[in-house]
C-alpha atoms as a PDB file:
ATOM      1  CA  ARG A   1     -42.117  -5.351 -13.535  1.00  0.00           C
ATOM      2  CA  MET A   2     -43.183  -4.788  -9.930  1.00  0.00           C
ATOM      3  CA  LEU A   3     -39.711  -5.672  -8.734  1.00  0.00           C
ATOM      4  CA  GLU A   4     -38.157  -3.409 -11.374  1.00  0.00           C
ATOM      5  CA  ALA A   5     -40.273  -0.497 -10.141  1.00  0.00           C
ATOM      6  CA  ARG A   6     -39.235  -1.102  -6.541  1.00  0.00           C
ATOM      7  CA  LEU A   7     -35.558  -1.284  -7.469  1.00  0.00           C
ATOM      8  CA  LYS A   8     -35.775   1.972  -9.421  1.00  0.00           C
ATOM      9  CA  SER A   9     -37.537   3.659  -6.530  1.00  0.00           C
ATOM     10  CA  TYR A  10     -34.979   2.476  -3.984  1.00  0.00           C
ATOM     11  CA  PHE A  11     -31.698   2.878  -5.891  1.00  0.00           C
ATOM     12  CA  GLN A  12     -32.718   5.615  -8.366  1.00  0.00           C
ATOM     13  CA  SER A  13     -29.675   6.740 -10.410  1.00  0.00           C
ATOM     14  CA  LYS A  14     -27.281   4.334  -8.642  1.00  0.00           C
ATOM     15  CA  LEU A  15     -28.683   1.376 -10.592  1.00  0.00           C
ATOM     16  CA  GLU A  16     -29.207   1.197 -14.346  1.00  0.00           C
ATOM     17  CA  ILE A  17     -31.701  -1.549 -15.213  1.00  0.00           C
ATOM     18  CA  LEU A  18     -31.118  -2.818 -18.737  1.00  0.00           C
ATOM     19  CA  GLY A  19     -34.349  -4.800 -18.933  1.00  0.00           C
ATOM     20  CA  SER A  20     -36.644  -7.416 -17.424  1.00  0.00           C
ATOM     21  CA  LEU A  21     -36.439 -11.054 -18.473  1.00  0.00           C
ATOM     22  CA  SER A  22     -38.276 -14.271 -17.862  1.00  0.00           C
ATOM     23  CA  TYR A  23     -36.277 -17.318 -16.800  1.00  0.00           C
ATOM     24  CA  GLN A  24     -36.442 -18.751 -20.324  1.00  0.00           C
ATOM     25  CA  GLN A  25     -35.339 -15.449 -21.840  1.00  0.00           C
ATOM     26  CA  TYR A  26     -32.332 -15.446 -19.512  1.00  0.00           C
ATOM     27  CA  LEU A  27     -31.368 -18.936 -20.683  1.00  0.00           C
ATOM     28  CA  ALA A  28     -31.656 -17.815 -24.314  1.00  0.00           C
ATOM     29  CA  LEU A  29     -29.312 -14.808 -23.939  1.00  0.00           C
ATOM     30  CA  SER A  30     -26.294 -14.801 -26.242  1.00  0.00           C
ATOM     31  CA  GLU A  31     -22.797 -14.270 -24.835  1.00  0.00           C
ATOM     32  CA  THR A  32     -22.804 -10.650 -26.027  1.00  0.00           C
ATOM     33  CA  GLU A  33     -26.169  -9.959 -24.427  1.00  0.00           C
ATOM     34  CA  LEU A  34     -25.175 -11.772 -21.243  1.00  0.00           C
ATOM     35  CA  THR A  35     -21.938  -9.851 -20.710  1.00  0.00           C
ATOM     36  CA  SER A  36     -23.547  -6.471 -21.309  1.00  0.00           C
ATOM     37  CA  ALA A  37     -24.737  -6.635 -17.686  1.00  0.00           C
ATOM     38  CA  ASP A  38     -22.531  -6.322 -14.598  1.00  0.00           C
ATOM     39  CA  PHE A  39     -24.857  -8.634 -12.667  1.00  0.00           C
ATOM     40  CA  PHE A  40     -28.427  -9.952 -12.602  1.00  0.00           C
ATOM     41  CA  ILE A  41     -31.105  -9.504  -9.959  1.00  0.00           C
ATOM     42  CA  THR A  42     -33.417 -12.505  -9.820  1.00  0.00           C
ATOM     43  CA  THR A  43     -36.299 -13.954  -7.801  1.00  0.00           C
ATOM     44  CA  VAL A  44     -35.341 -17.548  -8.677  1.00  0.00           C
ATOM     45  CA  PRO A  45     -32.015 -19.426  -8.614  1.00  0.00           C
ATOM     46  CA  LEU A  46     -30.157 -19.095 -11.919  1.00  0.00           C
ATOM     47  CA  PRO A  47     -27.764 -21.548 -13.557  1.00  0.00           C
ATOM     48  CA  ASP A  48     -24.225 -20.219 -13.502  1.00  0.00           C
ATOM     49  CA  ARG A  49     -23.271 -18.575 -16.808  1.00  0.00           C
ATOM     50  CA  GLY A  50     -20.215 -16.663 -15.647  1.00  0.00           C
ATOM     51  CA  ILE A  51     -22.014 -13.449 -14.602  1.00  0.00           C
ATOM     52  CA  PRO A  52     -22.799 -12.790 -10.905  1.00  0.00           C
ATOM     53  CA  PHE A  53     -26.418 -12.630  -9.740  1.00  0.00           C
ATOM     54  CA  VAL A  54     -28.261 -11.581  -6.593  1.00  0.00           C
ATOM     55  CA  GLU A  55     -31.359 -13.510  -5.564  1.00  0.00           C
ATOM     56  CA  VAL A  56     -34.068 -11.371  -3.937  1.00  0.00           C
ATOM     57  CA  GLU A  57     -37.701 -11.613  -2.869  1.00  0.00           C
ATOM     58  CA  PHE A  58     -40.517  -9.756  -4.623  1.00  0.00           C
ATOM     59  CA  SER A  59     -40.993  -7.731  -1.440  1.00  0.00           C
ATOM     60  CA  LEU A  60     -37.343  -6.572  -1.669  1.00  0.00           C
ATOM     61  CA  THR A  61     -36.393  -6.958   1.982  1.00  0.00           C
ATOM     62  CA  ARG A  62     -33.734  -4.956   3.774  1.00  0.00           C
ATOM     63  CA  ASP A  63     -31.270  -7.836   3.394  1.00  0.00           C
ATOM     64  CA  ASN A  64     -32.052  -7.914  -0.338  1.00  0.00           C
ATOM     65  CA  THR A  65     -31.310  -4.217  -0.811  1.00  0.00           C
ATOM     66  CA  GLU A  66     -28.074  -4.547   1.167  1.00  0.00           C
ATOM     67  CA  ASN A  67     -26.952  -7.414  -1.070  1.00  0.00           C
ATOM     68  CA  VAL A  68     -27.705  -5.412  -4.205  1.00  0.00           C
ATOM     69  CA  ALA A  69     -25.911  -2.388  -2.757  1.00  0.00           C
ATOM     70  CA  ARG A  70     -22.804  -4.480  -2.146  1.00  0.00           C
ATOM     71  CA  MET A  71     -22.802  -5.473  -5.811  1.00  0.00           C
ATOM     72  CA  LEU A  72     -22.876  -1.783  -6.746  1.00  0.00           C
ATOM     73  CA  SER A  73     -19.824  -0.841  -4.683  1.00  0.00           C
ATOM     74  CA  PRO A  74     -16.592  -0.416  -6.682  1.00  0.00           C
ATOM     75  CA  ALA A  75     -14.657  -2.889  -4.515  1.00  0.00           C
ATOM     76  CA  GLN A  76     -17.303  -5.583  -4.902  1.00  0.00           C
ATOM     77  CA  ALA A  77     -17.575  -5.017  -8.633  1.00  0.00           C
ATOM     78  CA  GLN A  78     -13.821  -5.379  -8.970  1.00  0.00           C
ATOM     79  CA  PHE A  79     -13.376  -8.511  -6.905  1.00  0.00           C
ATOM     80  CA  GLN A  80     -16.656 -10.377  -7.406  1.00  0.00           C
ATOM     81  CA  GLY A  81     -15.210 -11.870 -10.580  1.00  0.00           C
ATOM     82  CA  PRO A  82     -12.280 -13.823  -9.048  1.00  0.00           C
ATOM     83  CA  CYS A  83     -14.361 -14.994  -6.095  1.00  0.00           C
ATOM     84  CA  HIS A  84     -17.035 -16.198  -8.476  1.00  0.00           C
ATOM     85  CA  PHE A  85     -14.717 -18.844  -9.971  1.00  0.00           C
ATOM     86  CA  PHE A  86     -14.112 -20.714  -6.701  1.00  0.00           C
ATOM     87  CA  GLN A  87     -16.388 -22.899  -4.577  1.00  0.00           C
ATOM     88  CA  GLU A  88     -16.006 -24.840  -1.362  1.00  0.00           C
ATOM     89  CA  ASP A  89     -16.301 -28.358  -2.776  1.00  0.00           C
ATOM     90  CA  LEU A  90     -13.452 -27.538  -5.188  1.00  0.00           C
ATOM     91  CA  PHE A  91     -11.039 -26.583  -2.405  1.00  0.00           C
ATOM     92  CA  VAL A  92      -8.664 -29.057  -0.771  1.00  0.00           C
ATOM     93  CA  ARG A  93      -5.688 -28.790   1.545  1.00  0.00           C
ATOM     94  CA  PHE A  94      -3.121 -31.592   1.618  1.00  0.00           C
ATOM     95  CA  ASP A  95      -1.392 -31.765   5.005  1.00  0.00           C
ATOM     96  CA  THR A  96       0.582 -34.912   4.150  1.00  0.00           C
ATOM     97  CA  PRO A  97       3.069 -35.438   1.302  1.00  0.00           C
ATOM     98  CA  VAL A  98       1.446 -36.249  -2.064  1.00  0.00           C
ATOM     99  CA  THR A  99       2.538 -36.616  -5.680  1.00  0.00           C
ATOM    100  CA  LYS A 100       1.654 -34.426  -8.628  1.00  0.00           C
ATOM    101  CA  GLU A 101      -0.527 -37.243  -9.988  1.00  0.00           C
ATOM    102  CA  GLN A 102      -2.455 -37.479  -6.721  1.00  0.00           C
ATOM    103  CA  VAL A 103      -3.101 -33.728  -6.728  1.00  0.00           C
ATOM    104  CA  LEU A 104      -4.373 -33.787 -10.325  1.00  0.00           C
ATOM    105  CA  ASP A 105      -6.481 -36.892  -9.653  1.00  0.00           C
ATOM    106  CA  GLU A 106      -8.172 -35.245  -6.682  1.00  0.00           C
ATOM    107  CA  LEU A 107      -8.881 -31.922  -8.385  1.00  0.00           C
ATOM    108  CA  CYS A 108     -10.185 -33.551 -11.579  1.00  0.00           C
ATOM    109  CA  THR A 109     -12.433 -35.852  -9.532  1.00  0.00           C
ATOM    110  CA  ARG A 110     -13.918 -32.907  -7.670  1.00  0.00           C
ATOM    111  CA  LEU A 111     -14.631 -30.998 -10.880  1.00  0.00           C
ATOM    112  CA  ILE A 112     -16.327 -34.040 -12.407  1.00  0.00           C
ATOM    113  CA  GLN A 113     -18.369 -34.814  -9.274  1.00  0.00           C
ATOM    114  CA  ALA A 114     -19.523 -31.187  -9.157  1.00  0.00           C
ATOM    115  CA  GLY A 115     -20.939 -31.555 -12.670  1.00  0.00           C
ATOM    116  CA  ILE A 116     -18.554 -28.968 -14.079  1.00  0.00           C
ATOM    117  CA  SER A 117     -16.316 -31.188 -16.236  1.00  0.00           C
ATOM    118  CA  GLU A 118     -16.720 -34.374 -18.242  1.00  0.00           C
ATOM    119  CA  PRO A 119     -15.069 -37.704 -17.277  1.00  0.00           C
ATOM    120  CA  GLY A 120     -12.318 -37.160 -19.873  1.00  0.00           C
ATOM    121  CA  LEU A 121     -10.909 -34.175 -17.958  1.00  0.00           C
ATOM    122  CA  ARG A 122      -8.008 -36.046 -16.338  1.00  0.00           C
ATOM    123  CA  GLU A 123      -6.759 -37.417 -19.659  1.00  0.00           C
ATOM    124  CA  SER A 124      -6.958 -33.978 -21.280  1.00  0.00           C
ATOM    125  CA  VAL A 125      -5.029 -32.403 -18.399  1.00  0.00           C
ATOM    126  CA  GLU A 126      -2.356 -35.086 -18.723  1.00  0.00           C
ATOM    127  CA  GLN A 127      -2.057 -34.377 -22.452  1.00  0.00           C
ATOM    128  CA  ARG A 128      -1.585 -30.680 -21.738  1.00  0.00           C
ATOM    129  CA  GLU A 129       1.087 -31.391 -19.121  1.00  0.00           C
ATOM    130  CA  ALA A 130       3.001 -33.489 -21.654  1.00  0.00           C
ATOM    131  CA  ILE A 131       3.274 -30.516 -24.020  1.00  0.00           C
ATOM    132  CA  SER A 132       4.795 -28.077 -21.526  1.00  0.00           C
ATOM    133  CA  HIS A 133       4.813 -27.620 -17.790  1.00  0.00           C
ATOM    134  CA  THR A 134       2.153 -25.422 -16.209  1.00  0.00           C
ATOM    135  CA  ASN A 135       3.956 -24.028 -13.171  1.00  0.00           C
ATOM    136  CA  LEU A 136       4.212 -20.231 -13.376  1.00  0.00           C
ATOM    137  CA  ASN A 137       6.974 -19.987 -10.786  1.00  0.00           C
ATOM    138  CA  ASP A 138       8.480 -22.117  -8.034  1.00  0.00           C
ATOM    139  CA  ILE A 139       5.304 -22.155  -5.945  1.00  0.00           C
ATOM    140  CA  PHE A 140       2.237 -21.795  -8.211  1.00  0.00           C
ATOM    141  CA  ALA A 141       0.878 -23.997 -11.033  1.00  0.00           C
ATOM    142  CA  ILE A 142      -2.235 -23.767 -13.219  1.00  0.00           C
ATOM    143  CA  PRO A 143      -2.818 -27.137 -14.928  1.00  0.00           C
ATOM    144  CA  HIS A 144      -5.732 -27.194 -17.388  1.00  0.00           C
ATOM    145  CA  PRO A 145      -7.235 -29.345 -20.167  1.00  0.00           C
ATOM    146  CA  MET A 146      -6.366 -29.076 -23.845  1.00  0.00           C
ATOM    147  CA  ALA A 147      -9.555 -27.193 -24.744  1.00  0.00           C
ATOM    148  CA  PRO A 148     -12.572 -25.525 -23.078  1.00  0.00           C
ATOM    149  CA  GLU A 149     -14.885 -28.341 -22.001  1.00  0.00           C
ATOM    150  CA  ALA A 150     -16.548 -27.250 -18.754  1.00  0.00           C
ATOM    151  CA  ALA A 151     -20.196 -26.456 -18.136  1.00  0.00           C
ATOM    152  CA  ARG A 152     -19.009 -23.287 -16.390  1.00  0.00           C
ATOM    153  CA  THR A 153     -15.581 -21.836 -15.694  1.00  0.00           C
ATOM    154  CA  ARG A 154     -14.163 -22.865 -12.346  1.00  0.00           C
ATOM    155  CA  ALA A 155     -10.797 -23.255 -10.628  1.00  0.00           C
ATOM    156  CA  ALA A 156     -10.272 -26.232  -8.323  1.00  0.00           C
ATOM    157  CA  VAL A 157      -7.735 -25.281  -5.666  1.00  0.00           C
ATOM    158  CA  ALA A 158      -5.151 -27.399  -3.848  1.00  0.00           C
ATOM    159  CA  ILE A 159      -2.891 -26.001  -1.138  1.00  0.00           C
ATOM    160  CA  LEU A 160       0.022 -28.241  -0.179  1.00  0.00           C
ATOM    161  CA  ASP A 161       1.819 -28.240   3.158  1.00  0.00           C
ATOM    162  CA  HIS A 162       4.662 -30.131   1.487  1.00  0.00           C
ATOM    163  CA  PRO A 163       6.061 -28.952  -1.895  1.00  0.00           C
ATOM    164  CA  VAL A 164       5.436 -31.364  -4.764  1.00  0.00           C
ATOM    165  CA  PRO A 165       7.814 -31.752  -7.745  1.00  0.00           C
ATOM    166  CA  TRP A 166       6.076 -30.364 -10.834  1.00  0.00           C
ATOM    167  CA  ASN A 167       8.513 -30.778 -13.714  1.00  0.00           C
ATOM    168  CA  ASP A 168      11.627 -32.650 -14.814  1.00  0.00           C
ATOM    169  CA  SER A 169      13.931 -29.893 -13.643  1.00  0.00           C
ATOM    170  CA  GLY A 170      12.865 -30.452 -10.053  1.00  0.00           C
ATOM    171  CA  THR A 171      10.777 -27.312  -9.621  1.00  0.00           C
ATOM    172  CA  THR A 172       8.238 -27.755  -6.822  1.00  0.00           C
ATOM    173  CA  VAL A 173       4.900 -26.052  -6.174  1.00  0.00           C
ATOM    174  CA  GLN A 174       2.570 -25.660  -3.208  1.00  0.00           C
ATOM    175  CA  ILE A 175      -0.405 -23.850  -4.764  1.00  0.00           C
ATOM    176  CA  VAL A 176      -2.301 -25.525  -7.606  1.00  0.00           C
ATOM    177  CA  PHE A 177      -5.302 -24.097  -9.460  1.00  0.00           C
ATOM    178  CA  LEU A 178      -6.741 -26.625 -11.914  1.00  0.00           C
ATOM    179  CA  LEU A 179      -8.595 -24.441 -14.416  1.00  0.00           C
ATOM    180  CA  ALA A 180     -11.716 -25.750 -16.148  1.00  0.00           C
ATOM    181  CA  PHE A 181     -12.859 -23.339 -18.838  1.00  0.00           C
ATOM    182  CA  CYS A 182     -16.292 -22.914 -20.378  1.00  0.00           C
ATOM    183  CA  LYS A 183     -16.301 -21.891 -24.019  1.00  0.00           C
ATOM    184  CA  GLY A 184     -17.814 -18.451 -24.539  1.00  0.00           C
ATOM    185  CA  GLU A 185     -16.854 -16.914 -21.171  1.00  0.00           C
ATOM    186  CA  GLN A 186     -13.807 -15.010 -22.392  1.00  0.00           C
ATOM    187  CA  LYS A 187     -14.863 -11.647 -21.025  1.00  0.00           C
ATOM    188  CA  SER A 188     -15.574 -12.818 -17.494  1.00  0.00           C
ATOM    189  CA  ILE A 189     -12.458 -15.016 -17.451  1.00  0.00           C
ATOM    190  CA  GLU A 190     -10.314 -11.882 -17.704  1.00  0.00           C
ATOM    191  CA  ARG A 191     -11.135 -11.235 -14.038  1.00  0.00           C
ATOM    192  CA  LEU A 192      -9.721 -14.635 -13.148  1.00  0.00           C
ATOM    193  CA  TYR A 193      -6.573 -14.012 -15.211  1.00  0.00           C
ATOM    194  CA  ASP A 194      -5.974 -10.761 -13.330  1.00  0.00           C
ATOM    195  CA  PHE A 195      -6.130 -12.635 -10.026  1.00  0.00           C
ATOM    196  CA  LEU A 196      -3.745 -15.354 -11.255  1.00  0.00           C
ATOM    197  CA  LEU A 197      -1.271 -12.692 -12.347  1.00  0.00           C
ATOM    198  CA  GLU A 198      -1.513 -11.021  -8.959  1.00  0.00           C
ATOM    199  CA  ILE A 199      -0.643 -14.314  -7.255  1.00  0.00           C
ATOM    200  CA  VAL A 200       2.407 -14.769  -9.493  1.00  0.00           C
ATOM    201  CA  GLN A 201       3.654 -11.253  -8.778  1.00  0.00           C
ATOM    202  CA  SER A 202       2.901 -11.056  -5.058  1.00  0.00           C
ATOM    203  CA  VAL A 203       4.987 -13.087  -2.617  1.00  0.00           C
ATOM    204  CA  SER A 204       2.825 -11.847   0.265  1.00  0.00           C
ATOM    205  CA  LEU A 205      -0.351 -13.091  -1.434  1.00  0.00           C
ATOM    206  CA  GLN A 206       1.292 -16.461  -2.087  1.00  0.00           C
ATOM    207  CA  GLN A 207       2.164 -16.750   1.598  1.00  0.00           C
ATOM    208  CA  SER A 208      -1.338 -15.738   2.640  1.00  0.00           C
ATOM    209  CA  ILE A 209      -2.845 -18.429   0.393  1.00  0.00           C
ATOM    210  CA  LEU A 210      -0.490 -21.031   1.866  1.00  0.00           C
ATOM    211  CA  LYS A 211      -1.767 -20.124   5.336  1.00  0.00           C
ATOM    212  CA  ALA A 212      -5.444 -20.505   4.375  1.00  0.00           C
ATOM    213  CA  GLU A 213      -6.727 -23.492   6.342  1.00  0.00           C
ATOM    214  CA  THR A 214     -10.329 -23.277   5.130  1.00  0.00           C
ATOM    215  CA  PHE A 215     -12.178 -22.265   1.993  1.00  0.00           C
ATOM    216  CA  GLU A 216     -13.586 -19.207   3.742  1.00  0.00           C
ATOM    217  CA  GLU A 217     -10.091 -17.996   4.604  1.00  0.00           C
ATOM    218  CA  PHE A 218      -9.076 -18.482   0.980  1.00  0.00           C
ATOM    219  CA  ARG A 219     -12.229 -16.747  -0.298  1.00  0.00           C
ATOM    220  CA  GLN A 220     -11.470 -13.690   1.786  1.00  0.00           C
ATOM    221  CA  LEU A 221      -8.157 -13.347  -0.039  1.00  0.00           C
ATOM    222  CA  CYS A 222     -10.085 -13.164  -3.326  1.00  0.00           C
ATOM    223  CA  LEU A 223     -12.137 -10.281  -1.947  1.00  0.00           C
ATOM    224  CA  ARG A 224      -9.290  -8.296  -0.427  1.00  0.00           C
ATOM    225  CA  PRO A 225      -8.880  -4.657  -1.536  1.00  0.00           C
END
């Protein structure tokens, strides 16, 4: 309540506070209740449930208020969603030739090691690939399992210096997003879909992604206006 009062005093009409919750109350929120908020402000680390959060101190330092202010800006609100679905340990760049199987093996392993997906992920992805190919054009593919099975929605990213054949017709790709979906995150996933569509439609964005040598360079592309 003290923190709520300080936030109201500092941001006034710029910030609408929907309520104050304990940690256990946050964990008990339904999907509808969870997605009614644009983001959460918290004094403790929160488990990822598909909605952004800002961690602050009770004293609400200058850095804290700047972080909250960034969340309130239209550009940040628009692009926080896509950025939220990527993380550094799920990003890999292959600078030597690899096969499609090696790419899928690596991305599935990273998702499992990160505690996002279950050990059966690779088999489920293979089953999905057998039904129909997952490349969206001649450079970008989005393999994914048969059903939502992840603890939280994430996209493991592989950027390939050398094109890899992706289907029987010989189509090759160089950008691969292995999508691991969490059931019940449909609303927040729409932000990710918008970003995927932008990649498909924008040759310049595709080329920029191919040039990203590090996760930070890739992340900046997710935040671009």
